[in-house]
Amino acid sequence: MSTQVLAQLRHLKLGGMARALQTQLEQVGTYEALPFIERLGLLVEHENLSREHRKHERLIRQARFKLAATVQDIDYQHSRNVSQAQVARLAQGDWIDRAQNLLITGPCGSG
């Protein structure tokens, strides 16, 4: 029965949900005490996260960035007049929600 359900989920392009169900089936003791609606909620949440992750990866590929840089890659060893706390606040994206612009300047070659 479970193999049929997994096959149907994959056929419906619900791969994230299929992987989450496979995990639930392999770890019976962890999930058997949960009510049906909670287990279903976990499956749906996993599918949603899987789709968001694939979308994020697709958008990054389409952007064709020259370098794959992240906020975690910033080197704070050199004095740049910016603190780790400032970068963390900017990384939260509140300025985007407020429809504000962000302009970061620096010397040539600083990236």
C-alpha atoms as a PDB file:
ATOM      1  CA  MET A   1       0.000   0.000   0.000  1.00  0.00           C
ATOM      2  CA  SER A   2       2.703   2.474   0.949  1.00  0.00           C
ATOM      3  CA  THR A   3       4.657   1.881  -2.263  1.00  0.00           C
ATOM      4  CA  GLN A   4       1.531   2.671  -4.280  1.00  0.00           C
ATOM      5  CA  VAL A   5       0.985   5.898  -2.349  1.00  0.00           C
ATOM      6  CA  LEU A   6       4.630   6.908  -2.810  1.00  0.00           C
ATOM      7  CA  ALA A   7       4.386   6.181  -6.551  1.00  0.00           C
ATOM      8  CA  GLN A   8       1.207   8.255  -6.823  1.00  0.00           C
ATOM      9  CA  LEU A   9       2.794  11.174  -4.968  1.00  0.00           C
ATOM     10  CA  ARG A  10       5.756  11.100  -7.342  1.00  0.00           C
ATOM     11  CA  HIS A  11       3.428  10.845 -10.342  1.00  0.00           C
ATOM     12  CA  LEU A  12       1.602  13.946  -9.075  1.00  0.00           C
ATOM     13  CA  LYS A  13       4.990  15.696  -8.805  1.00  0.00           C
ATOM     14  CA  LEU A  14       4.819  15.826  -5.001  1.00  0.00           C
ATOM     15  CA  GLY A  15       8.387  14.609  -4.492  1.00  0.00           C
ATOM     16  CA  GLY A  16       8.896  16.520  -1.250  1.00  0.00           C
ATOM     17  CA  MET A  17       5.808  14.971   0.233  1.00  0.00           C
ATOM     18  CA  ALA A  18       6.906  11.523  -0.966  1.00  0.00           C
ATOM     19  CA  ARG A  19      10.319  11.930   0.711  1.00  0.00           C
ATOM     20  CA  ALA A  20       8.663  13.093   3.945  1.00  0.00           C
ATOM     21  CA  LEU A  21       6.267  10.131   3.881  1.00  0.00           C
ATOM     22  CA  GLN A  22       9.189   7.763   3.287  1.00  0.00           C
ATOM     23  CA  THR A  23      10.889   9.260   6.355  1.00  0.00           C
ATOM     24  CA  GLN A  24       7.713   8.820   8.401  1.00  0.00           C
ATOM     25  CA  LEU A  25       7.438   5.202   7.306  1.00  0.00           C
ATOM     26  CA  GLU A  26      11.083   4.514   8.194  1.00  0.00           C
ATOM     27  CA  GLN A  27      10.834   6.184  11.615  1.00  0.00           C
ATOM     28  CA  VAL A  28       7.590   4.682  12.809  1.00  0.00           C
ATOM     29  CA  GLY A  29       8.158   5.308  16.519  1.00  0.00           C
ATOM     30  CA  THR A  30       8.689   9.016  15.962  1.00  0.00           C
ATOM     31  CA  TYR A  31       5.458   9.678  14.093  1.00  0.00           C
ATOM     32  CA  GLU A  32       2.954   7.001  15.155  1.00  0.00           C
ATOM     33  CA  ALA A  33       1.779   8.927  18.227  1.00  0.00           C
ATOM     34  CA  LEU A  34       0.882  12.017  16.179  1.00  0.00           C
ATOM     35  CA  PRO A  35      -2.701  12.538  15.048  1.00  0.00           C
ATOM     36  CA  PHE A  36      -3.409  12.126  11.323  1.00  0.00           C
ATOM     37  CA  ILE A  37      -3.873  15.848  10.720  1.00  0.00           C
ATOM     38  CA  GLU A  38      -0.478  16.672  12.258  1.00  0.00           C
ATOM     39  CA  ARG A  39       1.273  14.021  10.186  1.00  0.00           C
ATOM     40  CA  LEU A  40      -0.466  15.308   7.074  1.00  0.00           C
ATOM     41  CA  GLY A  41       0.543  18.843   8.037  1.00  0.00           C
ATOM     42  CA  LEU A  42       4.180  17.754   8.266  1.00  0.00           C
ATOM     43  CA  LEU A  43       3.962  16.200   4.800  1.00  0.00           C
ATOM     44  CA  VAL A  44       2.434  19.339   3.299  1.00  0.00           C
ATOM     45  CA  GLU A  45       4.972  21.564   5.045  1.00  0.00           C
ATOM     46  CA  HIS A  46       7.839  19.456   3.696  1.00  0.00           C
ATOM     47  CA  GLU A  47       6.418  19.699   0.155  1.00  0.00           C
ATOM     48  CA  ASN A  48       6.091  23.457   0.495  1.00  0.00           C
ATOM     49  CA  LEU A  49       9.680  23.828   1.750  1.00  0.00           C
ATOM     50  CA  SER A  50      10.914  21.588  -1.048  1.00  0.00           C
ATOM     51  CA  ARG A  51       9.192  23.734  -3.678  1.00  0.00           C
ATOM     52  CA  GLU A  52      10.520  26.954  -2.148  1.00  0.00           C
ATOM     53  CA  HIS A  53      14.039  25.525  -2.140  1.00  0.00           C
ATOM     54  CA  ARG A  54      13.789  24.458  -5.795  1.00  0.00           C
ATOM     55  CA  LYS A  55      12.418  27.891  -6.736  1.00  0.00           C
ATOM     56  CA  HIS A  56      15.267  29.607  -4.908  1.00  0.00           C
ATOM     57  CA  GLU A  57      17.853  27.410  -6.639  1.00  0.00           C
ATOM     58  CA  ARG A  58      16.233  28.008 -10.044  1.00  0.00           C
ATOM     59  CA  LEU A  59      16.222  31.780  -9.568  1.00  0.00           C
ATOM     60  CA  ILE A  60      19.891  31.745  -8.567  1.00  0.00           C
ATOM     61  CA  ARG A  61      20.764  29.703 -11.672  1.00  0.00           C
ATOM     62  CA  GLN A  62      18.766  32.056 -13.900  1.00  0.00           C
ATOM     63  CA  ALA A  63      20.487  35.110 -12.422  1.00  0.00           C
ATOM     64  CA  ARG A  64      23.845  33.779 -13.684  1.00  0.00           C
ATOM     65  CA  PHE A  65      25.856  35.386 -10.904  1.00  0.00           C
ATOM     66  CA  LYS A  66      29.582  35.517 -11.546  1.00  0.00           C
ATOM     67  CA  LEU A  67      30.301  34.529  -7.949  1.00  0.00           C
ATOM     68  CA  ALA A  68      28.281  32.506  -5.472  1.00  0.00           C
ATOM     69  CA  ALA A  69      28.584  34.745  -2.414  1.00  0.00           C
ATOM     70  CA  THR A  70      26.526  34.724   0.763  1.00  0.00           C
ATOM     71  CA  VAL A  71      26.264  36.932   3.817  1.00  0.00           C
ATOM     72  CA  GLN A  72      28.076  34.222   5.781  1.00  0.00           C
ATOM     73  CA  ASP A  73      31.111  34.610   3.478  1.00  0.00           C
ATOM     74  CA  ILE A  74      31.820  38.208   4.545  1.00  0.00           C
ATOM     75  CA  ASP A  75      35.276  38.652   6.065  1.00  0.00           C
ATOM     76  CA  TYR A  76      35.096  41.038   9.013  1.00  0.00           C
ATOM     77  CA  GLN A  77      38.868  40.895   9.691  1.00  0.00           C
ATOM     78  CA  HIS A  78      39.582  44.036   7.667  1.00  0.00           C
ATOM     79  CA  SER A  79      38.184  47.406   8.700  1.00  0.00           C
ATOM     80  CA  ARG A  80      35.335  48.283   6.330  1.00  0.00           C
ATOM     81  CA  ASN A  81      33.299  50.589   8.576  1.00  0.00           C
ATOM     82  CA  VAL A  82      30.504  48.031   8.686  1.00  0.00           C
ATOM     83  CA  SER A  83      29.683  45.825  11.641  1.00  0.00           C
ATOM     84  CA  GLN A  84      28.407  42.286  11.660  1.00  0.00           C
ATOM     85  CA  ALA A  85      25.232  43.522  13.382  1.00  0.00           C
ATOM     86  CA  GLN A  86      24.545  46.010  10.559  1.00  0.00           C
ATOM     87  CA  VAL A  87      24.951  43.314   7.930  1.00  0.00           C
ATOM     88  CA  ALA A  88      22.685  40.976   9.911  1.00  0.00           C
ATOM     89  CA  ARG A  89      19.961  43.647  10.061  1.00  0.00           C
ATOM     90  CA  LEU A  90      20.252  44.286   6.314  1.00  0.00           C
ATOM     91  CA  ALA A  91      20.162  40.544   5.575  1.00  0.00           C
ATOM     92  CA  GLN A  92      16.757  40.268   7.260  1.00  0.00           C
ATOM     93  CA  GLY A  93      15.311  42.267   4.363  1.00  0.00           C
ATOM     94  CA  ASP A  94      13.107  44.644   6.369  1.00  0.00           C
ATOM     95  CA  TRP A  95      14.231  47.463   4.079  1.00  0.00           C
ATOM     96  CA  ILE A  96      12.686  45.564   1.158  1.00  0.00           C
ATOM     97  CA  ASP A  97       9.343  45.234   2.957  1.00  0.00           C
ATOM     98  CA  ARG A  98       9.376  49.004   3.576  1.00  0.00           C
ATOM     99  CA  ALA A  99      10.075  49.611  -0.159  1.00  0.00           C
ATOM    100  CA  GLN A 100      13.364  51.353   0.630  1.00  0.00           C
ATOM    101  CA  ASN A 101      16.484  51.357  -1.485  1.00  0.00           C
ATOM    102  CA  LEU A 102      19.903  50.215  -0.324  1.00  0.00           C
ATOM    103  CA  LEU A 103      23.141  51.618  -1.675  1.00  0.00           C
ATOM    104  CA  ILE A 104      26.444  50.209  -0.462  1.00  0.00           C
ATOM    105  CA  THR A 105      29.570  52.040  -1.535  1.00  0.00           C
ATOM    106  CA  GLY A 106      33.229  51.309  -1.132  1.00  0.00           C
ATOM    107  CA  PRO A 107      36.619  51.688  -2.752  1.00  0.00           C
ATOM    108  CA  CYS A 108      37.308  50.228  -6.218  1.00  0.00           C
ATOM    109  CA  GLY A 109      37.808  46.496  -6.163  1.00  0.00           C
ATOM    110  CA  SER A 110      35.949  45.977  -2.897  1.00  0.00           C
ATOM    111  CA  GLY A 111      33.218  43.993  -4.653  1.00  0.00           C
END
